[in-house]
Amino acid sequence: MAEITNSTKIVGVKFVALRAFTDERGFFMETFRKEWFPERSWDIVQTNRNFSKAGVLRGLHYHHHQVDYWCVMAGTMRVGLADLRPSS
């Protein structure tokens, strides 16, 4: 969980200390969670950032109520997708 502190100099400014979960594959971190800012009405619920070393397999899961957007900053990514919707 990120540590959130309020600025002592500017009212309304918050500092969010992000926590990275690191292992031999790389790292994962939550960069935004709607619940960190209860005073705002954000449409986005959560954003994440991760880094994976070459040859690492991640995933093998699915979401009931979540949409994923990926942005590959360097290197390449292989993605396997399956449409599990009943209407598919």
C-alpha atoms as a PDB file:
ATOM      1  CA  MET A   1       0.000   0.000   0.000  1.00  0.00           C
ATOM      2  CA  ALA A   2       1.265   3.488  -0.803  1.00  0.00           C
ATOM      3  CA  GLU A   3       1.930   5.974   1.951  1.00  0.00           C
ATOM      4  CA  ILE A   4       0.061   9.252   1.441  1.00  0.00           C
ATOM      5  CA  THR A   5       0.985  12.457   3.253  1.00  0.00           C
ATOM      6  CA  ASN A   6      -0.360  15.970   2.934  1.00  0.00           C
ATOM      7  CA  SER A   7       1.934  18.852   2.068  1.00  0.00           C
ATOM      8  CA  THR A   8       2.715  21.123   4.981  1.00  0.00           C
ATOM      9  CA  LYS A   9       3.343  24.040   2.614  1.00  0.00           C
ATOM     10  CA  ILE A  10       0.539  23.955   0.035  1.00  0.00           C
ATOM     11  CA  VAL A  11      -3.039  23.104   0.964  1.00  0.00           C
ATOM     12  CA  GLY A  12      -4.498  20.315  -1.169  1.00  0.00           C
ATOM     13  CA  VAL A  13      -1.158  18.852  -2.277  1.00  0.00           C
ATOM     14  CA  LYS A  14      -0.517  15.215  -1.372  1.00  0.00           C
ATOM     15  CA  PHE A  15       2.657  13.183  -1.618  1.00  0.00           C
ATOM     16  CA  VAL A  16       2.207   9.535  -2.561  1.00  0.00           C
ATOM     17  CA  ALA A  17       5.130   7.219  -1.758  1.00  0.00           C
ATOM     18  CA  LEU A  18       4.658   4.298  -4.130  1.00  0.00           C
ATOM     19  CA  ARG A  19       5.683   0.763  -3.182  1.00  0.00           C
ATOM     20  CA  ALA A  20       7.255  -1.575  -5.715  1.00  0.00           C
ATOM     21  CA  PHE A  21       6.826  -5.334  -5.370  1.00  0.00           C
ATOM     22  CA  THR A  22      10.116  -6.713  -6.691  1.00  0.00           C
ATOM     23  CA  ASP A  23      11.302 -10.245  -7.390  1.00  0.00           C
ATOM     24  CA  GLU A  24      13.621 -12.036  -9.841  1.00  0.00           C
ATOM     25  CA  ARG A  25      11.165 -11.356 -12.722  1.00  0.00           C
ATOM     26  CA  GLY A  26      11.133  -7.563 -12.339  1.00  0.00           C
ATOM     27  CA  PHE A  27       8.691  -5.352 -10.454  1.00  0.00           C
ATOM     28  CA  PHE A  28       5.049  -4.304 -10.169  1.00  0.00           C
ATOM     29  CA  MET A  29       3.658  -1.161  -8.565  1.00  0.00           C
ATOM     30  CA  GLU A  30       0.307   0.549  -8.241  1.00  0.00           C
ATOM     31  CA  THR A  31       0.740   4.128  -9.468  1.00  0.00           C
ATOM     32  CA  PHE A  32      -2.810   5.304  -8.750  1.00  0.00           C
ATOM     33  CA  ARG A  33      -5.808   4.079  -6.768  1.00  0.00           C
ATOM     34  CA  LYS A  34      -9.110   5.927  -6.675  1.00  0.00           C
ATOM     35  CA  GLU A  35      -9.406   5.281  -2.916  1.00  0.00           C
ATOM     36  CA  TRP A  36      -6.234   7.307  -2.272  1.00  0.00           C
ATOM     37  CA  PHE A  37      -8.216  10.433  -3.184  1.00  0.00           C
ATOM     38  CA  PRO A  38     -11.716   9.997  -1.699  1.00  0.00           C
ATOM     39  CA  GLU A  39     -12.439  13.700  -2.144  1.00  0.00           C
ATOM     40  CA  ARG A  40     -12.291  13.298  -5.951  1.00  0.00           C
ATOM     41  CA  SER A  41     -14.699  11.534  -8.284  1.00  0.00           C
ATOM     42  CA  TRP A  42     -12.337   9.777 -10.694  1.00  0.00           C
ATOM     43  CA  ASP A  43     -13.614   7.426 -13.390  1.00  0.00           C
ATOM     44  CA  ILE A  44     -10.319   5.508 -13.385  1.00  0.00           C
ATOM     45  CA  VAL A  45     -10.086   3.052 -10.483  1.00  0.00           C
ATOM     46  CA  GLN A  46      -6.440   1.977 -10.612  1.00  0.00           C
ATOM     47  CA  THR A  47      -3.287   2.333 -12.723  1.00  0.00           C
ATOM     48  CA  ASN A  48      -0.204   0.138 -12.511  1.00  0.00           C
ATOM     49  CA  ARG A  49       3.341   0.005 -13.819  1.00  0.00           C
ATOM     50  CA  ASN A  50       5.517  -3.023 -14.199  1.00  0.00           C
ATOM     51  CA  PHE A  51       8.843  -4.105 -15.610  1.00  0.00           C
ATOM     52  CA  SER A  52       9.573  -7.661 -16.676  1.00  0.00           C
ATOM     53  CA  LYS A  53      12.942  -9.089 -17.614  1.00  0.00           C
ATOM     54  CA  ALA A  54      13.316 -10.862 -20.967  1.00  0.00           C
ATOM     55  CA  GLY A  55      11.563 -14.230 -21.148  1.00  0.00           C
ATOM     56  CA  VAL A  56       9.283 -13.611 -18.161  1.00  0.00           C
ATOM     57  CA  LEU A  57       5.713 -14.960 -18.345  1.00  0.00           C
ATOM     58  CA  ARG A  58       3.096 -12.925 -16.483  1.00  0.00           C
ATOM     59  CA  GLY A  59      -0.644 -13.038 -16.337  1.00  0.00           C
ATOM     60  CA  LEU A  60      -2.753 -16.125 -16.887  1.00  0.00           C
ATOM     61  CA  HIS A  61      -5.710 -14.439 -15.260  1.00  0.00           C
ATOM     62  CA  TYR A  62      -8.860 -12.580 -16.246  1.00  0.00           C
ATOM     63  CA  HIS A  63     -10.939  -9.706 -14.933  1.00  0.00           C
ATOM     64  CA  HIS A  64     -14.699  -9.591 -14.449  1.00  0.00           C
ATOM     65  CA  HIS A  65     -14.990  -5.786 -14.271  1.00  0.00           C
ATOM     66  CA  GLN A  66     -11.662  -4.374 -15.340  1.00  0.00           C
ATOM     67  CA  VAL A  67     -10.218  -3.094 -18.595  1.00  0.00           C
ATOM     68  CA  ASP A  68      -6.482  -3.341 -19.264  1.00  0.00           C
ATOM     69  CA  TYR A  69      -4.541  -0.853 -21.394  1.00  0.00           C
ATOM     70  CA  TRP A  70      -0.905  -1.659 -22.122  1.00  0.00           C
ATOM     71  CA  CYS A  71       1.906   0.630 -23.216  1.00  0.00           C
ATOM     72  CA  VAL A  72       5.220  -1.031 -24.073  1.00  0.00           C
ATOM     73  CA  MET A  73       7.945   1.503 -23.293  1.00  0.00           C
ATOM     74  CA  ALA A  74      10.892  -0.610 -24.492  1.00  0.00           C
ATOM     75  CA  GLY A  75      11.408  -4.035 -26.005  1.00  0.00           C
ATOM     76  CA  THR A  76       8.546  -6.225 -27.186  1.00  0.00           C
ATOM     77  CA  MET A  77       5.585  -7.952 -25.613  1.00  0.00           C
ATOM     78  CA  ARG A  78       3.692 -11.087 -26.620  1.00  0.00           C
ATOM     79  CA  VAL A  79       0.070 -11.271 -25.536  1.00  0.00           C
ATOM     80  CA  GLY A  80      -2.274 -14.239 -25.596  1.00  0.00           C
ATOM     81  CA  LEU A  81      -5.966 -13.385 -25.436  1.00  0.00           C
ATOM     82  CA  ALA A  82      -9.074 -15.541 -25.077  1.00  0.00           C
ATOM     83  CA  ASP A  83     -12.647 -14.282 -25.364  1.00  0.00           C
ATOM     84  CA  LEU A  84     -14.466 -15.909 -22.428  1.00  0.00           C
ATOM     85  CA  ARG A  85     -17.726 -13.995 -22.840  1.00  0.00           C
ATOM     86  CA  PRO A  86     -20.783 -16.279 -23.084  1.00  0.00           C
ATOM     87  CA  SER A  87     -21.833 -14.544 -26.314  1.00  0.00           C
ATOM     88  CA  SER A  88     -18.493 -15.273 -27.958  1.00  0.00           C
END
